[in-house]
Amino acid sequence: MMVNEHFLFDTLALVRKLEKEGFESKHAEAVTDALTQVLSDSLENVAQLYVSNGQMKKIQMGIQADISKFKSQVNCFLFIQWKAISCSLVEYMG
C-alpha cells in the first residue's frame, strides 16, 4: 500500500527556519528531506497495520460463513449418528 506524500508540515517553511537558525541551504534541505522520509516511512508502516471497515466486514462475513458451514457439517454428522443408533436400537429391540 502506498501512502500519499501529504505531510503534516510545510517543508519549505522548515528549510527557511533552519536557514534562519544558521543552517546552510543544502544542510537545511538535507535535514528536511530526511525528516520527510522518516515521516513517509512511518506513515507507510501505520498504513500496513490498518484494516479498513470494508476489509473487516469481509473478513467477518468469511468467518460467519465458515461457522455456518461447520454447524451444518456437525448437524449432518449428528443426524447420521442418530440414524445409525436408531437402526441399531430397532434391530436390538426388534
PDB file of N, CA and C in Angstrom:
ATOM      1  N   MET A   1       0.847  -1.167   0.000  1.00  0.00           N
ATOM      2  CA  MET A   1       0.000   0.000   0.000  1.00  0.00           C
ATOM      3  C   MET A   1       0.891   1.229   0.000  1.00  0.00           C
ATOM      4  N   MET A   2       0.647   2.137  -0.888  1.00  0.00           N
ATOM      5  CA  MET A   2       1.462   3.346  -0.988  1.00  0.00           C
ATOM      6  C   MET A   2       0.748   4.494  -0.286  1.00  0.00           C
ATOM      7  N   VAL A   3       1.459   5.191   0.577  1.00  0.00           N
ATOM      8  CA  VAL A   3       0.905   6.336   1.285  1.00  0.00           C
ATOM      9  C   VAL A   3       1.123   7.580   0.442  1.00  0.00           C
ATOM     10  N   ASN A   4       0.077   8.391   0.331  1.00  0.00           N
ATOM     11  CA  ASN A   4       0.230   9.662  -0.378  1.00  0.00           C
ATOM     12  C   ASN A   4       1.227  10.526   0.373  1.00  0.00           C
ATOM     13  N   GLU A   5       2.007  11.263  -0.379  1.00  0.00           N
ATOM     14  CA  GLU A   5       3.017  12.099   0.255  1.00  0.00           C
ATOM     15  C   GLU A   5       2.440  13.462   0.632  1.00  0.00           C
ATOM     16  N   HIS A   6       1.473  13.444   1.538  1.00  0.00           N
ATOM     17  CA  HIS A   6       0.925  14.659   2.124  1.00  0.00           C
ATOM     18  C   HIS A   6       1.446  14.698   3.550  1.00  0.00           C
ATOM     19  N   PHE A   7       2.175  15.725   3.863  1.00  0.00           N
ATOM     20  CA  PHE A   7       2.822  15.761   5.156  1.00  0.00           C
ATOM     21  C   PHE A   7       2.152  16.780   6.055  1.00  0.00           C
ATOM     22  N   LEU A   8       2.396  16.602   7.333  1.00  0.00           N
ATOM     23  CA  LEU A   8       1.760  17.431   8.339  1.00  0.00           C
ATOM     24  C   LEU A   8       2.536  18.710   8.620  1.00  0.00           C
ATOM     25  N   PHE A   9       3.490  19.009   7.785  1.00  0.00           N
ATOM     26  CA  PHE A   9       4.243  20.244   7.977  1.00  0.00           C
ATOM     27  C   PHE A   9       4.666  20.812   6.628  1.00  0.00           C
ATOM     28  N   ASP A  10       4.957  22.077   6.649  1.00  0.00           N
ATOM     29  CA  ASP A  10       5.371  22.809   5.450  1.00  0.00           C
ATOM     30  C   ASP A  10       6.890  22.662   5.318  1.00  0.00           C
ATOM     31  N   THR A  11       7.321  21.885   4.330  1.00  0.00           N
ATOM     32  CA  THR A  11       8.753  21.605   4.180  1.00  0.00           C
ATOM     33  C   THR A  11       9.552  22.862   3.837  1.00  0.00           C
ATOM     34  N   LEU A  12       8.977  23.716   3.005  1.00  0.00           N
ATOM     35  CA  LEU A  12       9.685  24.954   2.651  1.00  0.00           C
ATOM     36  C   LEU A  12       9.853  25.844   3.875  1.00  0.00           C
ATOM     37  N   ALA A  13       8.817  25.910   4.705  1.00  0.00           N
ATOM     38  CA  ALA A  13       8.906  26.718   5.921  1.00  0.00           C
ATOM     39  C   ALA A  13       9.983  26.161   6.853  1.00  0.00           C
ATOM     40  N   LEU A  14      10.105  24.843   6.919  1.00  0.00           N
ATOM     41  CA  LEU A  14      11.138  24.242   7.764  1.00  0.00           C
ATOM     42  C   LEU A  14      12.529  24.581   7.230  1.00  0.00           C
ATOM     43  N   VAL A  15      12.709  24.487   5.916  1.00  0.00           N
ATOM     44  CA  VAL A  15      14.001  24.840   5.319  1.00  0.00           C
ATOM     45  C   VAL A  15      14.343  26.283   5.659  1.00  0.00           C
ATOM     46  N   ARG A  16      13.375  27.171   5.486  1.00  0.00           N
ATOM     47  CA  ARG A  16      13.621  28.603   5.768  1.00  0.00           C
ATOM     48  C   ARG A  16      13.965  28.827   7.241  1.00  0.00           C
ATOM     49  N   LYS A  17      13.252  28.118   8.143  1.00  0.00           N
ATOM     50  CA  LYS A  17      13.521  28.269   9.575  1.00  0.00           C
ATOM     51  C   LYS A  17      14.930  27.782   9.911  1.00  0.00           C
ATOM     52  N   LEU A  18      15.317  26.641   9.344  1.00  0.00           N
ATOM     53  CA  LEU A  18      16.662  26.127   9.596  1.00  0.00           C
ATOM     54  C   LEU A  18      17.723  27.086   9.059  1.00  0.00           C
ATOM     55  N   GLU A  19      17.466  27.654   7.889  1.00  0.00           N
ATOM     56  CA  GLU A  19      18.408  28.640   7.324  1.00  0.00           C
ATOM     57  C   GLU A  19      18.506  29.857   8.238  1.00  0.00           C
ATOM     58  N   LYS A  20      17.365  30.274   8.761  1.00  0.00           N
ATOM     59  CA  LYS A  20      17.338  31.434   9.660  1.00  0.00           C
ATOM     60  C   LYS A  20      18.134  31.152  10.938  1.00  0.00           C
ATOM     61  N   GLU A  21      18.148  29.879  11.353  1.00  0.00           N
ATOM     62  CA  GLU A  21      18.874  29.479  12.561  1.00  0.00           C
ATOM     63  C   GLU A  21      20.352  29.206  12.288  1.00  0.00           C
ATOM     64  N   GLY A  22      20.789  29.377  11.016  1.00  0.00           N
ATOM     65  CA  GLY A  22      22.208  29.265  10.715  1.00  0.00           C
ATOM     66  C   GLY A  22      22.609  28.070   9.859  1.00  0.00           C
ATOM     67  N   PHE A  23      21.661  27.241   9.466  1.00  0.00           N
ATOM     68  CA  PHE A  23      21.995  26.122   8.581  1.00  0.00           C
ATOM     69  C   PHE A  23      22.261  26.646   7.182  1.00  0.00           C
ATOM     70  N   GLU A  24      23.215  26.041   6.501  1.00  0.00           N
ATOM     71  CA  GLU A  24      23.387  26.342   5.082  1.00  0.00           C
ATOM     72  C   GLU A  24      22.196  25.739   4.344  1.00  0.00           C
ATOM     73  N   SER A  25      21.867  26.291   3.181  1.00  0.00           N
ATOM     74  CA  SER A  25      20.698  25.827   2.421  1.00  0.00           C
ATOM     75  C   SER A  25      20.741  24.327   2.157  1.00  0.00           C
ATOM     76  N   LYS A  26      21.908  23.828   1.711  1.00  0.00           N
ATOM     77  CA  LYS A  26      21.975  22.398   1.383  1.00  0.00           C
ATOM     78  C   LYS A  26      21.782  21.532   2.620  1.00  0.00           C
ATOM     79  N   HIS A  27      22.255  22.001   3.795  1.00  0.00           N
ATOM     80  CA  HIS A  27      22.060  21.241   5.028  1.00  0.00           C
ATOM     81  C   HIS A  27      20.606  21.313   5.483  1.00  0.00           C
ATOM     82  N   ALA A  28      20.006  22.470   5.371  1.00  0.00           N
ATOM     83  CA  ALA A  28      18.598  22.628   5.747  1.00  0.00           C
ATOM     84  C   ALA A  28      17.714  21.736   4.875  1.00  0.00           C
ATOM     85  N   GLU A  29      18.017  21.693   3.585  1.00  0.00           N
ATOM     86  CA  GLU A  29      17.248  20.845   2.665  1.00  0.00           C
ATOM     87  C   GLU A  29      17.475  19.369   2.976  1.00  0.00           C
ATOM     88  N   ALA A  30      18.706  18.995   3.314  1.00  0.00           N
ATOM     89  CA  ALA A  30      19.012  17.597   3.636  1.00  0.00           C
ATOM     90  C   ALA A  30      18.277  17.152   4.900  1.00  0.00           C
ATOM     91  N   VAL A  31      18.274  18.007   5.913  1.00  0.00           N
ATOM     92  CA  VAL A  31      17.557  17.686   7.156  1.00  0.00           C
ATOM     93  C   VAL A  31      16.064  17.548   6.874  1.00  0.00           C
ATOM     94  N   THR A  32      15.525  18.462   6.092  1.00  0.00           N
ATOM     95  CA  THR A  32      14.099  18.420   5.753  1.00  0.00           C
ATOM     96  C   THR A  32      13.774  17.174   4.941  1.00  0.00           C
ATOM     97  N   ASP A  33      14.625  16.832   3.985  1.00  0.00           N
ATOM     98  CA  ASP A  33      14.414  15.611   3.196  1.00  0.00           C
ATOM     99  C   ASP A  33      14.447  14.371   4.089  1.00  0.00           C
ATOM    100  N   ALA A  34      15.392  14.331   5.015  1.00  0.00           N
ATOM    101  CA  ALA A  34      15.496  13.176   5.914  1.00  0.00           C
ATOM    102  C   ALA A  34      14.256  13.060   6.796  1.00  0.00           C
ATOM    103  N   LEU A  35      13.817  14.180   7.330  1.00  0.00           N
ATOM    104  CA  LEU A  35      12.619  14.182   8.168  1.00  0.00           C
ATOM    105  C   LEU A  35      11.393  13.765   7.364  1.00  0.00           C
ATOM    106  N   THR A  36      11.301  14.257   6.148  1.00  0.00           N
ATOM    107  CA  THR A  36      10.195  13.890   5.262  1.00  0.00           C
ATOM    108  C   THR A  36      10.201  12.389   4.993  1.00  0.00           C
ATOM    109  N   GLN A  37      11.373  11.807   4.765  1.00  0.00           N
ATOM    110  CA  GLN A  37      11.475  10.366   4.510  1.00  0.00           C
ATOM    111  C   GLN A  37      11.086   9.556   5.738  1.00  0.00           C
ATOM    112  N   VAL A  38      11.530  10.001   6.910  1.00  0.00           N
ATOM    113  CA  VAL A  38      11.183   9.301   8.152  1.00  0.00           C
ATOM    114  C   VAL A  38       9.672   9.313   8.351  1.00  0.00           C
ATOM    115  N   LEU A  39       9.052  10.459   8.146  1.00  0.00           N
ATOM    116  CA  LEU A  39       7.594  10.549   8.293  1.00  0.00           C
ATOM    117  C   LEU A  39       6.882   9.684   7.259  1.00  0.00           C
ATOM    118  N   SER A  40       7.373   9.695   6.045  1.00  0.00           N
ATOM    119  CA  SER A  40       6.774   8.883   4.985  1.00  0.00           C
ATOM    120  C   SER A  40       6.859   7.398   5.324  1.00  0.00           C
ATOM    121  N   ASP A  41       8.024   6.963   5.788  1.00  0.00           N
ATOM    122  CA  ASP A  41       8.205   5.559   6.176  1.00  0.00           C
ATOM    123  C   ASP A  41       7.291   5.190   7.341  1.00  0.00           C
ATOM    124  N   SER A  42       7.174   6.095   8.311  1.00  0.00           N
ATOM    125  CA  SER A  42       6.310   5.841   9.465  1.00  0.00           C
ATOM    126  C   SER A  42       4.854   5.724   9.045  1.00  0.00           C
ATOM    127  N   LEU A  43       4.419   6.616   8.167  1.00  0.00           N
ATOM    128  CA  LEU A  43       3.041   6.554   7.674  1.00  0.00           C
ATOM    129  C   LEU A  43       2.799   5.271   6.893  1.00  0.00           C
ATOM    130  N   GLU A  44       3.783   4.836   6.141  1.00  0.00           N
ATOM    131  CA  GLU A  44       3.671   3.588   5.377  1.00  0.00           C
ATOM    132  C   GLU A  44       3.507   2.402   6.328  1.00  0.00           C
ATOM    133  N   ASN A  45       4.295   2.397   7.408  1.00  0.00           N
ATOM    134  CA  ASN A  45       4.190   1.313   8.391  1.00  0.00           C
ATOM    135  C   ASN A  45       2.825   1.292   9.059  1.00  0.00           C
ATOM    136  N   VAL A  46       2.313   2.452   9.409  1.00  0.00           N
ATOM    137  CA  VAL A  46       0.985   2.536  10.021  1.00  0.00           C
ATOM    138  C   VAL A  46      -0.074   2.076   9.031  1.00  0.00           C
ATOM    139  N   ALA A  47       0.045   2.477   7.783  1.00  0.00           N
ATOM    140  CA  ALA A  47      -0.940   2.102   6.762  1.00  0.00           C
ATOM    141  C   ALA A  47      -0.982   0.591   6.561  1.00  0.00           C
ATOM    142  N   GLN A  48       0.152  -0.080   6.702  1.00  0.00           N
ATOM    143  CA  GLN A  48       0.188  -1.536   6.535  1.00  0.00           C
ATOM    144  C   GLN A  48      -0.509  -2.250   7.685  1.00  0.00           C
ATOM    145  N   LEU A  49      -0.567  -1.619   8.851  1.00  0.00           N
ATOM    146  CA  LEU A  49      -1.219  -2.223  10.013  1.00  0.00           C
ATOM    147  C   LEU A  49      -2.717  -1.950  10.048  1.00  0.00           C
ATOM    148  N   TYR A  50      -3.167  -0.981   9.293  1.00  0.00           N
ATOM    149  CA  TYR A  50      -4.557  -0.547   9.321  1.00  0.00           C
ATOM    150  C   TYR A  50      -5.431  -1.477   8.489  1.00  0.00           C
ATOM    151  N   VAL A  51      -6.591  -1.833   9.030  1.00  0.00           N
ATOM    152  CA  VAL A  51      -7.582  -2.619   8.295  1.00  0.00           C
ATOM    153  C   VAL A  51      -8.832  -1.755   8.194  1.00  0.00           C
ATOM    154  N   SER A  52      -9.308  -1.533   6.984  1.00  0.00           N
ATOM    155  CA  SER A  52     -10.487  -0.690   6.791  1.00  0.00           C
ATOM    156  C   SER A  52     -11.740  -1.414   7.269  1.00  0.00           C
ATOM    157  N   ASN A  53     -12.810  -0.648   7.481  1.00  0.00           N
ATOM    158  CA  ASN A  53     -14.087  -1.240   7.880  1.00  0.00           C
ATOM    159  C   ASN A  53     -14.564  -2.235   6.838  1.00  0.00           C
ATOM    160  N   GLY A  54     -14.388  -1.911   5.571  1.00  0.00           N
ATOM    161  CA  GLY A  54     -14.798  -2.808   4.493  1.00  0.00           C
ATOM    162  C   GLY A  54     -14.048  -4.129   4.544  1.00  0.00           C
ATOM    163  N   GLN A  55     -12.739  -4.049   4.769  1.00  0.00           N
ATOM    164  CA  GLN A  55     -11.932  -5.268   4.876  1.00  0.00           C
ATOM    165  C   GLN A  55     -12.352  -6.087   6.096  1.00  0.00           C
ATOM    166  N   MET A  56     -12.623  -5.392   7.207  1.00  0.00           N
ATOM    167  CA  MET A  56     -13.028  -6.079   8.433  1.00  0.00           C
ATOM    168  C   MET A  56     -14.368  -6.784   8.236  1.00  0.00           C
ATOM    169  N   LYS A  57     -15.309  -6.124   7.566  1.00  0.00           N
ATOM    170  CA  LYS A  57     -16.617  -6.738   7.309  1.00  0.00           C
ATOM    171  C   LYS A  57     -16.472  -7.964   6.408  1.00  0.00           C
ATOM    172  N   LYS A  58     -15.606  -7.879   5.412  1.00  0.00           N
ATOM    173  CA  LYS A  58     -15.372  -9.011   4.515  1.00  0.00           C
ATOM    174  C   LYS A  58     -14.805 -10.201   5.292  1.00  0.00           C
ATOM    175  N   ILE A  59     -13.853  -9.934   6.167  1.00  0.00           N
ATOM    176  CA  ILE A  59     -13.272 -10.988   7.000  1.00  0.00           C
ATOM    177  C   ILE A  59     -14.342 -11.588   7.909  1.00  0.00           C
ATOM    178  N   GLN A  60     -15.145 -10.715   8.517  1.00  0.00           N
ATOM    179  CA  GLN A  60     -16.206 -11.173   9.415  1.00  0.00           C
ATOM    180  C   GLN A  60     -17.215 -12.053   8.675  1.00  0.00           C
ATOM    181  N   MET A  61     -17.589 -11.656   7.470  1.00  0.00           N
ATOM    182  CA  MET A  61     -18.528 -12.450   6.680  1.00  0.00           C
ATOM    183  C   MET A  61     -17.936 -13.817   6.346  1.00  0.00           C
ATOM    184  N   GLY A  62     -16.660 -13.859   6.029  1.00  0.00           N
ATOM    185  CA  GLY A  62     -15.992 -15.125   5.749  1.00  0.00           C
ATOM    186  C   GLY A  62     -15.987 -16.039   6.963  1.00  0.00           C
ATOM    187  N   ILE A  63     -15.717 -15.472   8.125  1.00  0.00           N
ATOM    188  CA  ILE A  63     -15.713 -16.261   9.364  1.00  0.00           C
ATOM    189  C   ILE A  63     -17.111 -16.785   9.660  1.00  0.00           C
ATOM    190  N   GLN A  64     -18.125 -15.921   9.483  1.00  0.00           N
ATOM    191  CA  GLN A  64     -19.503 -16.356   9.722  1.00  0.00           C
ATOM    192  C   GLN A  64     -19.902 -17.472   8.763  1.00  0.00           C
ATOM    193  N   ALA A  65     -19.467 -17.384   7.524  1.00  0.00           N
ATOM    194  CA  ALA A  65     -19.766 -18.439   6.545  1.00  0.00           C
ATOM    195  C   ALA A  65     -19.089 -19.745   6.954  1.00  0.00           C
ATOM    196  N   ASP A  66     -17.844 -19.655   7.424  1.00  0.00           N
ATOM    197  CA  ASP A  66     -17.132 -20.852   7.885  1.00  0.00           C
ATOM    198  C   ASP A  66     -17.838 -21.488   9.083  1.00  0.00           C
ATOM    199  N   ILE A  67     -18.312 -20.655  10.000  1.00  0.00           N
ATOM    200  CA  ILE A  67     -19.025 -21.169  11.177  1.00  0.00           C
ATOM    201  C   ILE A  67     -20.322 -21.850  10.753  1.00  0.00           C
ATOM    202  N   SER A  68     -21.055 -21.236   9.830  1.00  0.00           N
ATOM    203  CA  SER A  68     -22.302 -21.834   9.340  1.00  0.00           C
ATOM    204  C   SER A  68     -22.036 -23.180   8.676  1.00  0.00           C
ATOM    205  N   LYS A  69     -21.002 -23.242   7.874  1.00  0.00           N
ATOM    206  CA  LYS A  69     -20.642 -24.497   7.205  1.00  0.00           C
ATOM    207  C   LYS A  69     -20.279 -25.564   8.239  1.00  0.00           C
ATOM    208  N   PHE A  70     -19.519 -25.171   9.242  1.00  0.00           N
ATOM    209  CA  PHE A  70     -19.130 -26.106  10.296  1.00  0.00           C
ATOM    210  C   PHE A  70     -20.358 -26.617  11.044  1.00  0.00           C
ATOM    211  N   LYS A  71     -21.290 -25.717  11.373  1.00  0.00           N
ATOM    212  CA  LYS A  71     -22.521 -26.125  12.059  1.00  0.00           C
ATOM    213  C   LYS A  71     -23.290 -27.138  11.225  1.00  0.00           C
ATOM    214  N   SER A  72     -23.392 -26.877   9.934  1.00  0.00           N
ATOM    215  CA  SER A  72     -24.098 -27.803   9.043  1.00  0.00           C
ATOM    216  C   SER A  72     -23.426 -29.170   9.036  1.00  0.00           C
ATOM    217  N   GLN A  73     -22.113 -29.179   8.980  1.00  0.00           N
ATOM    218  CA  GLN A  73     -21.383 -30.447   8.970  1.00  0.00           C
ATOM    219  C   GLN A  73     -21.574 -31.209  10.279  1.00  0.00           C
ATOM    220  N   VAL A  74     -21.547 -30.499  11.400  1.00  0.00           N
ATOM    221  CA  VAL A  74     -21.756 -31.142  12.701  1.00  0.00           C
ATOM    222  C   VAL A  74     -23.173 -31.701  12.779  1.00  0.00           C
ATOM    223  N   ASN A  75     -24.167 -30.903  12.350  1.00  0.00           N
ATOM    224  CA  ASN A  75     -25.557 -31.366  12.378  1.00  0.00           C
ATOM    225  C   ASN A  75     -25.743 -32.592  11.495  1.00  0.00           C
ATOM    226  N   CYS A  76     -25.142 -32.597  10.336  1.00  0.00           N
ATOM    227  CA  CYS A  76     -25.226 -33.736   9.426  1.00  0.00           C
ATOM    228  C   CYS A  76     -24.599 -34.971  10.072  1.00  0.00           C
ATOM    229  N   PHE A  77     -23.439 -34.799  10.671  1.00  0.00           N
ATOM    230  CA  PHE A  77     -22.767 -35.907  11.344  1.00  0.00           C
ATOM    231  C   PHE A  77     -23.633 -36.447  12.478  1.00  0.00           C
ATOM    232  N   LEU A  78     -24.195 -35.534  13.290  1.00  0.00           N
ATOM    233  CA  LEU A  78     -25.037 -35.967  14.407  1.00  0.00           C
ATOM    234  C   LEU A  78     -26.281 -36.696  13.917  1.00  0.00           C
ATOM    235  N   PHE A  79     -26.870 -36.202  12.833  1.00  0.00           N
ATOM    236  CA  PHE A  79     -28.057 -36.849  12.273  1.00  0.00           C
ATOM    237  C   PHE A  79     -27.724 -38.264  11.807  1.00  0.00           C
ATOM    238  N   ILE A  80     -26.603 -38.414  11.119  1.00  0.00           N
ATOM    239  CA  ILE A  80     -26.177 -39.736  10.638  1.00  0.00           C
ATOM    240  C   ILE A  80     -25.930 -40.672  11.827  1.00  0.00           C
ATOM    241  N   GLN A  81     -25.280 -40.165  12.850  1.00  0.00           N
ATOM    242  CA  GLN A  81     -25.020 -40.980  14.042  1.00  0.00           C
ATOM    243  C   GLN A  81     -26.327 -41.364  14.730  1.00  0.00           C
ATOM    244  N   TRP A  82     -27.241 -40.420  14.829  1.00  0.00           N
ATOM    245  CA  TRP A  82     -28.542 -40.683  15.448  1.00  0.00           C
ATOM    246  C   TRP A  82     -29.290 -41.758  14.673  1.00  0.00           C
ATOM    247  N   LYS A  83     -29.266 -41.653  13.324  1.00  0.00           N
ATOM    248  CA  LYS A  83     -29.933 -42.663  12.487  1.00  0.00           C
ATOM    249  C   LYS A  83     -29.300 -44.037  12.704  1.00  0.00           C
ATOM    250  N   ALA A  84     -27.984 -44.094  12.770  1.00  0.00           N
ATOM    251  CA  ALA A  84     -27.290 -45.368  12.974  1.00  0.00           C
ATOM    252  C   ALA A  84     -27.649 -45.971  14.327  1.00  0.00           C
ATOM    253  N   ILE A  85     -27.682 -45.138  15.351  1.00  0.00           N
ATOM    254  CA  ILE A  85     -28.048 -45.616  16.691  1.00  0.00           C
ATOM    255  C   ILE A  85     -29.497 -46.081  16.701  1.00  0.00           C
ATOM    256  N   SER A  86     -30.377 -45.320  16.044  1.00  0.00           N
ATOM    257  CA  SER A  86     -31.801 -45.691  15.974  1.00  0.00           C
ATOM    258  C   SER A  86     -31.974 -47.039  15.294  1.00  0.00           C
ATOM    259  N   CYS A  87     -31.284 -47.233  14.178  1.00  0.00           N
ATOM    260  CA  CYS A  87     -31.378 -48.508  13.448  1.00  0.00           C
ATOM    261  C   CYS A  87     -30.855 -49.656  14.308  1.00  0.00           C
ATOM    262  N   SER A  88     -29.747 -49.417  14.988  1.00  0.00           N
ATOM    263  CA  SER A  88     -29.180 -50.451  15.858  1.00  0.00           C
ATOM    264  C   SER A  88     -30.133 -50.778  16.999  1.00  0.00           C
ATOM    265  N   LEU A  89     -30.748 -49.750  17.552  1.00  0.00           N
ATOM    266  CA  LEU A  89     -31.689 -49.939  18.651  1.00  0.00           C
ATOM    267  C   LEU A  89     -32.914 -50.715  18.189  1.00  0.00           C
ATOM    268  N   VAL A  90     -33.430 -50.389  17.002  1.00  0.00           N
ATOM    269  CA  VAL A  90     -34.591 -51.092  16.445  1.00  0.00           C
ATOM    270  C   VAL A  90     -34.241 -52.559  16.229  1.00  0.00           C
ATOM    271  N   GLU A  91     -33.065 -52.818  15.689  1.00  0.00           N
ATOM    272  CA  GLU A  91     -32.632 -54.206  15.466  1.00  0.00           C
ATOM    273  C   GLU A  91     -32.481 -54.941  16.796  1.00  0.00           C
ATOM    274  N   TYR A  92     -31.931 -54.253  17.774  1.00  0.00           N
ATOM    275  CA  TYR A  92     -31.708 -54.863  19.081  1.00  0.00           C
ATOM    276  C   TYR A  92     -33.033 -55.179  19.777  1.00  0.00           C
ATOM    277  N   MET A  93     -33.962 -54.202  19.680  1.00  0.00           N
ATOM    278  CA  MET A  93     -35.264 -54.354  20.334  1.00  0.00           C
ATOM    279  C   MET A  93     -36.172 -55.299  19.557  1.00  0.00           C
ATOM    280  N   GLY A  94     -35.942 -55.357  18.253  1.00  0.00           N
ATOM    281  CA  GLY A  94     -36.750 -55.987  17.288  1.00  0.00           C
ATOM    282  C   GLY A  94     -37.189 -57.323  17.309  1.00  0.00           C
TER     283      GLY A  94
END
